[in-house]
Each structure stands twice: as structure tokens, then as C-alpha cells.
């Protein structure tokens, strides 16, 4: 399938890794749809993509709620957009908090957005991909999905869950022409990272730029990656523990 026939939905696409992925896809001729909760940032992202010769749509929707999922479904139907590329990127990065002190409503919110929302969006997109006998799904996990850590229980549970979800789903849908893969970024300079860990957290030599993750995702949605499915790719860069 050529790039011009691909329509990609990127959750959490208005900033950070999601925005970088949307920009890279658009540069490669893929029509993109970005979702998120900040209407102003979404509009800016879509406008910038259009200004640079790409084609973009935006939907302000919270995928942690059924209302948000329904907004996305309605938008795609009304605009006759048949998504065949999905990037589950939206995530809440919470402050380091031990479980004994964790507000359970916030713990549940992290689960709803990072994991359950990703599952619901994927389920919503699957019938269309099956009907096209084609699809590419990328779940954005994290280096934190590989191992637990104090104060990180909600976030790391969701990221570990995405790894297992990737493997299970890939086994279910390969026969329908759909490839499902997972990317585990290391430390990346994003607004969310700074909000969670402070501006001093990125003043080191092991941070990556979001464009590095975007380039990997562009490979995974290219037809040349057809041999890769059910894989979890560790994209740690200089934050790889082997180098530190």
C-alpha cells in the first residue's frame, strides 16, 4: 500500500513523541489524524502539518473516557476516514508517588488513558483494518514497561500491559494483514517528561529527541517492515542501562 493510501490516527498527537510521529508520517505522505485533550495545541499541530504540505485532521477527545472514544468514532464516520494505521501514544506520566500515598482516582485515570483507552481505540479501528486486509498498529510503551520501580506503579503497570497486549493482538490479527508492534522509548525530551520530573531532569547526556522515536515508527508503518510483527523494540538510545 502506498503512503497516499494510508490514514494514520495518533493519540496524544499534539505534543512530544506523538507530535513528532504525526510530523514524520505527514512528511512521508501519510494523512494524519491527531487526538488529544488540548484543542489549541491540536489545532496548531494540524495547521503546521498542512502548512508544510501534509494533510492533517484533529479531534479533541479524552480517550480515558467513553465519551472521548465516541467522539473519535463519530468524527471518523462523519468525515469518511478509514484508518489503517494506529499509534497508541497517549499517556499520563504521574509524579513519583508510593502506592500508600497514591490517590486511587488518579491511579485509575492513568490506567484508563494509558492502557484501557489504547485497547478501546484499537478495538474500534480493527474492523476497518480487517475489511481492508491491511493495518499497522504501534503501541508506545516505555523503558519503564520492562521493570517496576518505586513510585511508578500506575505508569509502569500500563506500559508493561501494552507489551503483553501487543503480543496477544499480533497473534490474533496477522492473518488479516495487520502488523502490531510495540516501541519502548528510553528518556525523551518531551513536555510530559519535564512536567513529571522537572526541567533539571533533561539536563543530562542520555536524553533523546522525539524525532528519533518518530523515525522508528515511520519504518514500522512502511511496507518494508512486513516481516516485523508482535515485536517489542527497545529504543533506549544513550539511556540504555548497558551504557551507564
C-alpha atoms as a PDB file:
ATOM      1  CA  UNK A   1       0.000   0.000   0.000  1.00  0.00           C
ATOM      2  CA  UNK A   2       1.381   3.414  -0.929  1.00  0.00           C
ATOM      3  CA  UNK A   3       1.723   6.227   1.605  1.00  0.00           C
ATOM      4  CA  UNK A   4      -1.048   8.245  -0.042  1.00  0.00           C
ATOM      5  CA  UNK A   5      -3.478   5.397   0.718  1.00  0.00           C
ATOM      6  CA  UNK A   6      -2.624   5.373   4.410  1.00  0.00           C
ATOM      7  CA  UNK A   7      -4.580   7.245   7.053  1.00  0.00           C
ATOM      8  CA  UNK A   8      -2.996   7.309  10.496  1.00  0.00           C
ATOM      9  CA  UNK A   9      -4.597   8.069  13.841  1.00  0.00           C
ATOM     10  CA  UNK A  10      -2.116   9.164  16.520  1.00  0.00           C
ATOM     11  CA  UNK A  11      -3.418   9.519  20.069  1.00  0.00           C
ATOM     12  CA  UNK A  12      -1.689  12.116  22.191  1.00  0.00           C
ATOM     13  CA  UNK A  13      -0.598  13.689  18.921  1.00  0.00           C
ATOM     14  CA  UNK A  14      -0.437  17.357  19.868  1.00  0.00           C
ATOM     15  CA  UNK A  15       2.965  17.354  21.570  1.00  0.00           C
ATOM     16  CA  UNK A  16       6.032  15.303  22.438  1.00  0.00           C
ATOM     17  CA  UNK A  17       6.522  11.926  20.794  1.00  0.00           C
ATOM     18  CA  UNK A  18       3.019  11.890  19.297  1.00  0.00           C
ATOM     19  CA  UNK A  19       3.509  15.223  17.552  1.00  0.00           C
ATOM     20  CA  UNK A  20       6.886  14.113  16.197  1.00  0.00           C
ATOM     21  CA  UNK A  21       5.315  10.928  14.830  1.00  0.00           C
ATOM     22  CA  UNK A  22       2.498  12.885  13.183  1.00  0.00           C
ATOM     23  CA  UNK A  23       5.002  15.239  11.534  1.00  0.00           C
ATOM     24  CA  UNK A  24       7.187  12.387  10.297  1.00  0.00           C
ATOM     25  CA  UNK A  25       4.235  10.440   8.906  1.00  0.00           C
ATOM     26  CA  UNK A  26       2.970  13.547   7.112  1.00  0.00           C
ATOM     27  CA  UNK A  27       6.386  14.191   5.572  1.00  0.00           C
ATOM     28  CA  UNK A  28       6.203  10.651   4.199  1.00  0.00           C
ATOM     29  CA  UNK A  29       2.847  11.322   2.536  1.00  0.00           C
ATOM     30  CA  UNK A  30       0.567   9.732   5.145  1.00  0.00           C
ATOM     31  CA  UNK A  31      -2.657  11.539   6.010  1.00  0.00           C
ATOM     32  CA  UNK A  32      -2.759  12.010   9.795  1.00  0.00           C
ATOM     33  CA  UNK A  33      -5.389  12.481  12.471  1.00  0.00           C
ATOM     34  CA  UNK A  34      -4.172  13.729  15.838  1.00  0.00           C
ATOM     35  CA  UNK A  35      -6.176  13.381  19.035  1.00  0.00           C
ATOM     36  CA  UNK A  36      -5.669  14.822  22.484  1.00  0.00           C
ATOM     37  CA  UNK A  37      -7.279  16.902  25.197  1.00  0.00           C
ATOM     38  CA  UNK A  38      -5.846  20.325  24.350  1.00  0.00           C
ATOM     39  CA  UNK A  39      -7.782  21.839  21.466  1.00  0.00           C
ATOM     40  CA  UNK A  40      -5.372  24.747  20.986  1.00  0.00           C
ATOM     41  CA  UNK A  41      -2.303  22.517  20.661  1.00  0.00           C
ATOM     42  CA  UNK A  42      -4.150  20.137  18.344  1.00  0.00           C
ATOM     43  CA  UNK A  43      -5.162  22.962  16.034  1.00  0.00           C
ATOM     44  CA  UNK A  44      -1.593  24.257  15.944  1.00  0.00           C
ATOM     45  CA  UNK A  45      -0.159  20.816  15.182  1.00  0.00           C
ATOM     46  CA  UNK A  46      -2.634  20.196  12.353  1.00  0.00           C
ATOM     47  CA  UNK A  47      -2.134  23.682  10.927  1.00  0.00           C
ATOM     48  CA  UNK A  48       1.651  23.300  10.906  1.00  0.00           C
ATOM     49  CA  UNK A  49       1.404  19.945   9.124  1.00  0.00           C
ATOM     50  CA  UNK A  50      -0.908  21.411   6.489  1.00  0.00           C
ATOM     51  CA  UNK A  51       1.396  24.413   6.043  1.00  0.00           C
ATOM     52  CA  UNK A  52       4.303  22.067   5.327  1.00  0.00           C
ATOM     53  CA  UNK A  53       2.458  20.232   2.585  1.00  0.00           C
ATOM     54  CA  UNK A  54       0.902  17.448   4.647  1.00  0.00           C
ATOM     55  CA  UNK A  55      -2.727  16.637   5.345  1.00  0.00           C
ATOM     56  CA  UNK A  56      -3.961  16.637   8.928  1.00  0.00           C
ATOM     57  CA  UNK A  57      -7.153  16.452  10.965  1.00  0.00           C
ATOM     58  CA  UNK A  58      -7.603  16.922  14.700  1.00  0.00           C
ATOM     59  CA  UNK A  59     -10.073  15.686  17.310  1.00  0.00           C
ATOM     60  CA  UNK A  60     -10.170  16.932  20.886  1.00  0.00           C
ATOM     61  CA  UNK A  61     -11.034  13.804  22.848  1.00  0.00           C
ATOM     62  CA  UNK A  62     -10.055  12.176  26.113  1.00  0.00           C
ATOM     63  CA  UNK A  63      -9.508   8.502  25.317  1.00  0.00           C
ATOM     64  CA  UNK A  64      -9.698   7.722  29.029  1.00  0.00           C
ATOM     65  CA  UNK A  65     -13.479   8.163  28.785  1.00  0.00           C
ATOM     66  CA  UNK A  66     -16.173   6.506  26.691  1.00  0.00           C
ATOM     67  CA  UNK A  67     -17.305   9.980  25.636  1.00  0.00           C
ATOM     68  CA  UNK A  68     -13.868  10.600  24.130  1.00  0.00           C
ATOM     69  CA  UNK A  69     -13.858   7.271  22.302  1.00  0.00           C
ATOM     70  CA  UNK A  70     -17.311   8.024  20.906  1.00  0.00           C
ATOM     71  CA  UNK A  71     -16.187  11.480  19.715  1.00  0.00           C
ATOM     72  CA  UNK A  72     -13.399   9.876  17.721  1.00  0.00           C
ATOM     73  CA  UNK A  73     -15.747   7.267  16.248  1.00  0.00           C
ATOM     74  CA  UNK A  74     -18.266   9.925  15.205  1.00  0.00           C
ATOM     75  CA  UNK A  75     -15.577  12.148  13.670  1.00  0.00           C
ATOM     76  CA  UNK A  76     -14.152   9.333  11.561  1.00  0.00           C
ATOM     77  CA  UNK A  77     -17.614   8.306  10.366  1.00  0.00           C
ATOM     78  CA  UNK A  78     -18.713  11.850   9.513  1.00  0.00           C
ATOM     79  CA  UNK A  79     -15.520  12.545   7.586  1.00  0.00           C
ATOM     80  CA  UNK A  80     -15.365   9.127   5.911  1.00  0.00           C
ATOM     81  CA  UNK A  81     -11.867   8.467   7.218  1.00  0.00           C
ATOM     82  CA  UNK A  82     -10.891   4.795   7.067  1.00  0.00           C
ATOM     83  CA  UNK A  83      -7.933   4.484   9.426  1.00  0.00           C
ATOM     84  CA  UNK A  84      -5.403   1.788   8.577  1.00  0.00           C
ATOM     85  CA  UNK A  85      -2.503   2.990  10.749  1.00  0.00           C
ATOM     86  CA  UNK A  86      -2.872   3.464  14.507  1.00  0.00           C
ATOM     87  CA  UNK A  87      -0.361   4.750  17.038  1.00  0.00           C
ATOM     88  CA  UNK A  88      -1.416   4.355  20.661  1.00  0.00           C
ATOM     89  CA  UNK A  89       0.746   7.062  22.178  1.00  0.00           C
ATOM     90  CA  UNK A  90      -1.469   8.996  24.619  1.00  0.00           C
ATOM     91  CA  UNK A  91      -0.264   8.669  28.189  1.00  0.00           C
ATOM     92  CA  UNK A  92      -0.293  10.263  31.596  1.00  0.00           C
ATOM     93  CA  UNK A  93       3.117  10.438  33.287  1.00  0.00           C
ATOM     94  CA  UNK A  94       2.448  10.784  37.008  1.00  0.00           C
ATOM     95  CA  UNK A  95       4.714  12.192  39.682  1.00  0.00           C
ATOM     96  CA  UNK A  96       6.729   9.654  41.644  1.00  0.00           C
ATOM     97  CA  UNK A  97       4.274   8.515  44.337  1.00  0.00           C
ATOM     98  CA  UNK A  98       4.331   5.459  46.580  1.00  0.00           C
ATOM     99  CA  UNK A  99       1.115   3.448  46.425  1.00  0.00           C
ATOM    100  CA  UNK A 100       0.283   4.146  50.074  1.00  0.00           C
ATOM    101  CA  UNK A 101       0.055   7.848  49.191  1.00  0.00           C
ATOM    102  CA  UNK A 102      -1.443   7.460  45.707  1.00  0.00           C
ATOM    103  CA  UNK A 103      -4.895   8.924  45.133  1.00  0.00           C
ATOM    104  CA  UNK A 104      -6.778   5.970  43.664  1.00  0.00           C
ATOM    105  CA  UNK A 105      -8.897   8.100  41.363  1.00  0.00           C
ATOM    106  CA  UNK A 106      -5.701   9.356  39.728  1.00  0.00           C
ATOM    107  CA  UNK A 107      -4.257   5.808  39.664  1.00  0.00           C
ATOM    108  CA  UNK A 108      -7.392   4.690  37.816  1.00  0.00           C
ATOM    109  CA  UNK A 109      -7.163   7.656  35.426  1.00  0.00           C
ATOM    110  CA  UNK A 110      -3.638   6.618  34.435  1.00  0.00           C
ATOM    111  CA  UNK A 111      -4.861   3.077  33.744  1.00  0.00           C
ATOM    112  CA  UNK A 112      -7.871   4.360  31.781  1.00  0.00           C
ATOM    113  CA  UNK A 113      -5.803   6.583  29.482  1.00  0.00           C
ATOM    114  CA  UNK A 114      -2.573   4.635  29.082  1.00  0.00           C
ATOM    115  CA  UNK A 115      -3.947   1.107  28.764  1.00  0.00           C
ATOM    116  CA  UNK A 116      -7.730   0.764  28.614  1.00  0.00           C
ATOM    117  CA  UNK A 117      -8.068   3.717  26.237  1.00  0.00           C
ATOM    118  CA  UNK A 118      -5.483   2.187  23.929  1.00  0.00           C
ATOM    119  CA  UNK A 119      -7.360  -1.122  23.920  1.00  0.00           C
ATOM    120  CA  UNK A 120     -10.700   0.562  23.199  1.00  0.00           C
ATOM    121  CA  UNK A 121      -9.308   2.663  20.347  1.00  0.00           C
ATOM    122  CA  UNK A 122      -7.658  -0.420  18.864  1.00  0.00           C
ATOM    123  CA  UNK A 123     -10.883  -2.407  19.032  1.00  0.00           C
ATOM    124  CA  UNK A 124     -12.667   0.488  17.334  1.00  0.00           C
ATOM    125  CA  UNK A 125     -10.166   0.526  14.445  1.00  0.00           C
ATOM    126  CA  UNK A 126      -9.844  -3.212  13.887  1.00  0.00           C
ATOM    127  CA  UNK A 127     -12.996  -3.870  11.795  1.00  0.00           C
ATOM    128  CA  UNK A 128     -11.929  -1.262   9.238  1.00  0.00           C
ATOM    129  CA  UNK A 129      -8.420  -2.688   9.037  1.00  0.00           C
ATOM    130  CA  UNK A 130      -9.766  -6.220   8.671  1.00  0.00           C
ATOM    131  CA  UNK A 131     -12.062  -5.092   5.843  1.00  0.00           C
ATOM    132  CA  UNK A 132      -9.047  -3.564   4.056  1.00  0.00           C
ATOM    133  CA  UNK A 133      -6.950  -6.655   4.826  1.00  0.00           C
ATOM    134  CA  UNK A 134      -4.301  -4.175   5.891  1.00  0.00           C
ATOM    135  CA  UNK A 135      -3.240  -2.408   9.060  1.00  0.00           C
ATOM    136  CA  UNK A 136      -0.294  -1.176  11.087  1.00  0.00           C
ATOM    137  CA  UNK A 137      -0.613  -0.710  14.836  1.00  0.00           C
ATOM    138  CA  UNK A 138       2.125   0.680  17.087  1.00  0.00           C
ATOM    139  CA  UNK A 139       1.801   0.765  20.857  1.00  0.00           C
ATOM    140  CA  UNK A 140       4.133   3.236  22.547  1.00  0.00           C
ATOM    141  CA  UNK A 141       5.309   1.615  25.767  1.00  0.00           C
ATOM    142  CA  UNK A 142       8.422   2.725  27.660  1.00  0.00           C
ATOM    143  CA  UNK A 143      11.711   1.639  29.157  1.00  0.00           C
ATOM    144  CA  UNK A 144       9.574   1.682  32.301  1.00  0.00           C
ATOM    145  CA  UNK A 145       7.427  -1.110  30.886  1.00  0.00           C
ATOM    146  CA  UNK A 146      10.353  -3.502  31.241  1.00  0.00           C
ATOM    147  CA  UNK A 147      10.760  -3.217  35.007  1.00  0.00           C
ATOM    148  CA  UNK A 148       8.881  -1.871  38.014  1.00  0.00           C
ATOM    149  CA  UNK A 149      10.208   0.929  40.201  1.00  0.00           C
ATOM    150  CA  UNK A 150       9.290   2.632  43.458  1.00  0.00           C
ATOM    151  CA  UNK A 151       6.746   5.392  42.999  1.00  0.00           C
ATOM    152  CA  UNK A 152       5.972   4.423  39.417  1.00  0.00           C
ATOM    153  CA  UNK A 153       3.304   1.739  39.932  1.00  0.00           C
ATOM    154  CA  UNK A 154       0.443   3.092  37.808  1.00  0.00           C
ATOM    155  CA  UNK A 155       2.548   4.233  34.857  1.00  0.00           C
ATOM    156  CA  UNK A 156       4.731   1.161  34.657  1.00  0.00           C
ATOM    157  CA  UNK A 157       1.804  -1.238  35.018  1.00  0.00           C
ATOM    158  CA  UNK A 158       0.206   0.341  31.949  1.00  0.00           C
ATOM    159  CA  UNK A 159       3.393   0.226  29.915  1.00  0.00           C
ATOM    160  CA  UNK A 160       4.036  -3.413  30.801  1.00  0.00           C
ATOM    161  CA  UNK A 161       0.432  -4.129  29.867  1.00  0.00           C
ATOM    162  CA  UNK A 162       0.911  -2.615  26.414  1.00  0.00           C
ATOM    163  CA  UNK A 163       3.771  -5.015  25.750  1.00  0.00           C
ATOM    164  CA  UNK A 164       1.622  -8.050  26.515  1.00  0.00           C
ATOM    165  CA  UNK A 165      -1.317  -6.542  24.608  1.00  0.00           C
ATOM    166  CA  UNK A 166       0.920  -6.141  21.555  1.00  0.00           C
ATOM    167  CA  UNK A 167       1.987  -9.776  21.601  1.00  0.00           C
ATOM    168  CA  UNK A 168      -1.544 -11.091  22.077  1.00  0.00           C
ATOM    169  CA  UNK A 169      -3.127  -8.877  19.433  1.00  0.00           C
ATOM    170  CA  UNK A 170      -0.401  -9.533  16.875  1.00  0.00           C
ATOM    171  CA  UNK A 171      -1.123 -13.252  17.120  1.00  0.00           C
ATOM    172  CA  UNK A 172      -4.827 -12.611  16.547  1.00  0.00           C
ATOM    173  CA  UNK A 173      -4.699 -10.324  13.517  1.00  0.00           C
ATOM    174  CA  UNK A 174      -1.674 -11.255  11.402  1.00  0.00           C
ATOM    175  CA  UNK A 175      -3.890 -13.442   9.224  1.00  0.00           C
ATOM    176  CA  UNK A 176      -5.950 -10.315   8.479  1.00  0.00           C
ATOM    177  CA  UNK A 177      -2.937  -8.460   7.100  1.00  0.00           C
ATOM    178  CA  UNK A 178      -2.384  -6.408  10.263  1.00  0.00           C
ATOM    179  CA  UNK A 179       1.003  -5.951  11.921  1.00  0.00           C
ATOM    180  CA  UNK A 180       1.175  -4.946  15.582  1.00  0.00           C
ATOM    181  CA  UNK A 181       4.373  -3.793  17.235  1.00  0.00           C
ATOM    182  CA  UNK A 182       5.477  -2.035  20.380  1.00  0.00           C
ATOM    183  CA  UNK A 183       8.150   0.609  20.931  1.00  0.00           C
ATOM    184  CA  UNK A 184       9.774   1.190  24.314  1.00  0.00           C
ATOM    185  CA  UNK A 185      11.452   4.622  24.280  1.00  0.00           C
ATOM    186  CA  UNK A 186      14.105   5.484  26.805  1.00  0.00           C
ATOM    187  CA  UNK A 187      14.383   9.032  28.170  1.00  0.00           C
ATOM    188  CA  UNK A 188      12.972  11.503  25.646  1.00  0.00           C
ATOM    189  CA  UNK A 189      12.793  15.284  25.920  1.00  0.00           C
ATOM    190  CA  UNK A 190       9.052  15.990  25.985  1.00  0.00           C
ATOM    191  CA  UNK A 191       6.732  18.377  27.774  1.00  0.00           C
ATOM    192  CA  UNK A 192       5.250  15.491  29.750  1.00  0.00           C
ATOM    193  CA  UNK A 193       8.672  14.347  30.930  1.00  0.00           C
ATOM    194  CA  UNK A 194       9.507  17.843  32.161  1.00  0.00           C
ATOM    195  CA  UNK A 195       6.137  18.179  33.892  1.00  0.00           C
ATOM    196  CA  UNK A 196       6.666  14.902  35.748  1.00  0.00           C
ATOM    197  CA  UNK A 197      10.333  15.187  36.635  1.00  0.00           C
ATOM    198  CA  UNK A 198      11.180  18.898  36.406  1.00  0.00           C
ATOM    199  CA  UNK A 199      13.255  20.939  33.939  1.00  0.00           C
ATOM    200  CA  UNK A 200      16.512  19.803  35.525  1.00  0.00           C
ATOM    201  CA  UNK A 201      15.663  16.209  34.562  1.00  0.00           C
ATOM    202  CA  UNK A 202      16.567  16.793  30.921  1.00  0.00           C
ATOM    203  CA  UNK A 203      19.906  18.432  31.674  1.00  0.00           C
ATOM    204  CA  UNK A 204      21.954  15.293  31.102  1.00  0.00           C
ATOM    205  CA  UNK A 205      23.650  13.411  28.294  1.00  0.00           C
ATOM    206  CA  UNK A 206      21.257  10.490  27.928  1.00  0.00           C
ATOM    207  CA  UNK A 207      18.109  12.170  26.626  1.00  0.00           C
ATOM    208  CA  UNK A 208      16.751  11.549  23.128  1.00  0.00           C
ATOM    209  CA  UNK A 209      14.828  13.772  20.755  1.00  0.00           C
ATOM    210  CA  UNK A 210      11.240  12.747  19.888  1.00  0.00           C
ATOM    211  CA  UNK A 211      12.222  12.665  16.208  1.00  0.00           C
ATOM    212  CA  UNK A 212      14.343   9.573  16.896  1.00  0.00           C
ATOM    213  CA  UNK A 213      11.277   7.623  18.018  1.00  0.00           C
ATOM    214  CA  UNK A 214       9.253   9.044  15.140  1.00  0.00           C
ATOM    215  CA  UNK A 215      11.747   7.725  12.592  1.00  0.00           C
ATOM    216  CA  UNK A 216      11.440   4.223  14.044  1.00  0.00           C
ATOM    217  CA  UNK A 217       7.650   4.409  13.887  1.00  0.00           C
ATOM    218  CA  UNK A 218       7.797   5.532  10.261  1.00  0.00           C
ATOM    219  CA  UNK A 219       9.759   2.385   9.469  1.00  0.00           C
ATOM    220  CA  UNK A 220       7.236   0.207  11.294  1.00  0.00           C
ATOM    221  CA  UNK A 221       4.333   1.573   9.234  1.00  0.00           C
ATOM    222  CA  UNK A 222       6.230   1.252   5.973  1.00  0.00           C
ATOM    223  CA  UNK A 223       5.519  -1.871   3.945  1.00  0.00           C
ATOM    224  CA  UNK A 224       9.213  -2.756   4.101  1.00  0.00           C
ATOM    225  CA  UNK A 225       8.627  -3.708   7.766  1.00  0.00           C
ATOM    226  CA  UNK A 226       6.183  -6.502   6.916  1.00  0.00           C
ATOM    227  CA  UNK A 227       8.460  -9.125   8.488  1.00  0.00           C
ATOM    228  CA  UNK A 228       8.170  -7.416  11.874  1.00  0.00           C
ATOM    229  CA  UNK A 229       5.085  -8.084  13.995  1.00  0.00           C
ATOM    230  CA  UNK A 230       4.491  -8.950  17.625  1.00  0.00           C
ATOM    231  CA  UNK A 231       7.831  -7.327  18.400  1.00  0.00           C
ATOM    232  CA  UNK A 232       8.761  -5.036  21.256  1.00  0.00           C
ATOM    233  CA  UNK A 233      11.606  -2.762  20.238  1.00  0.00           C
ATOM    234  CA  UNK A 234      13.735  -1.161  22.946  1.00  0.00           C
ATOM    235  CA  UNK A 235      14.642   2.312  21.700  1.00  0.00           C
ATOM    236  CA  UNK A 236      16.672   3.429  24.694  1.00  0.00           C
ATOM    237  CA  UNK A 237      19.369   5.417  22.893  1.00  0.00           C
ATOM    238  CA  UNK A 238      22.023   6.716  25.290  1.00  0.00           C
ATOM    239  CA  UNK A 239      19.717   5.996  28.241  1.00  0.00           C
ATOM    240  CA  UNK A 240      20.317   2.264  27.709  1.00  0.00           C
ATOM    241  CA  UNK A 241      21.437   0.819  31.071  1.00  0.00           C
ATOM    242  CA  UNK A 242      24.253  -1.001  29.255  1.00  0.00           C
ATOM    243  CA  UNK A 243      25.877   2.360  28.550  1.00  0.00           C
ATOM    244  CA  UNK A 244      25.515   3.841  32.020  1.00  0.00           C
END
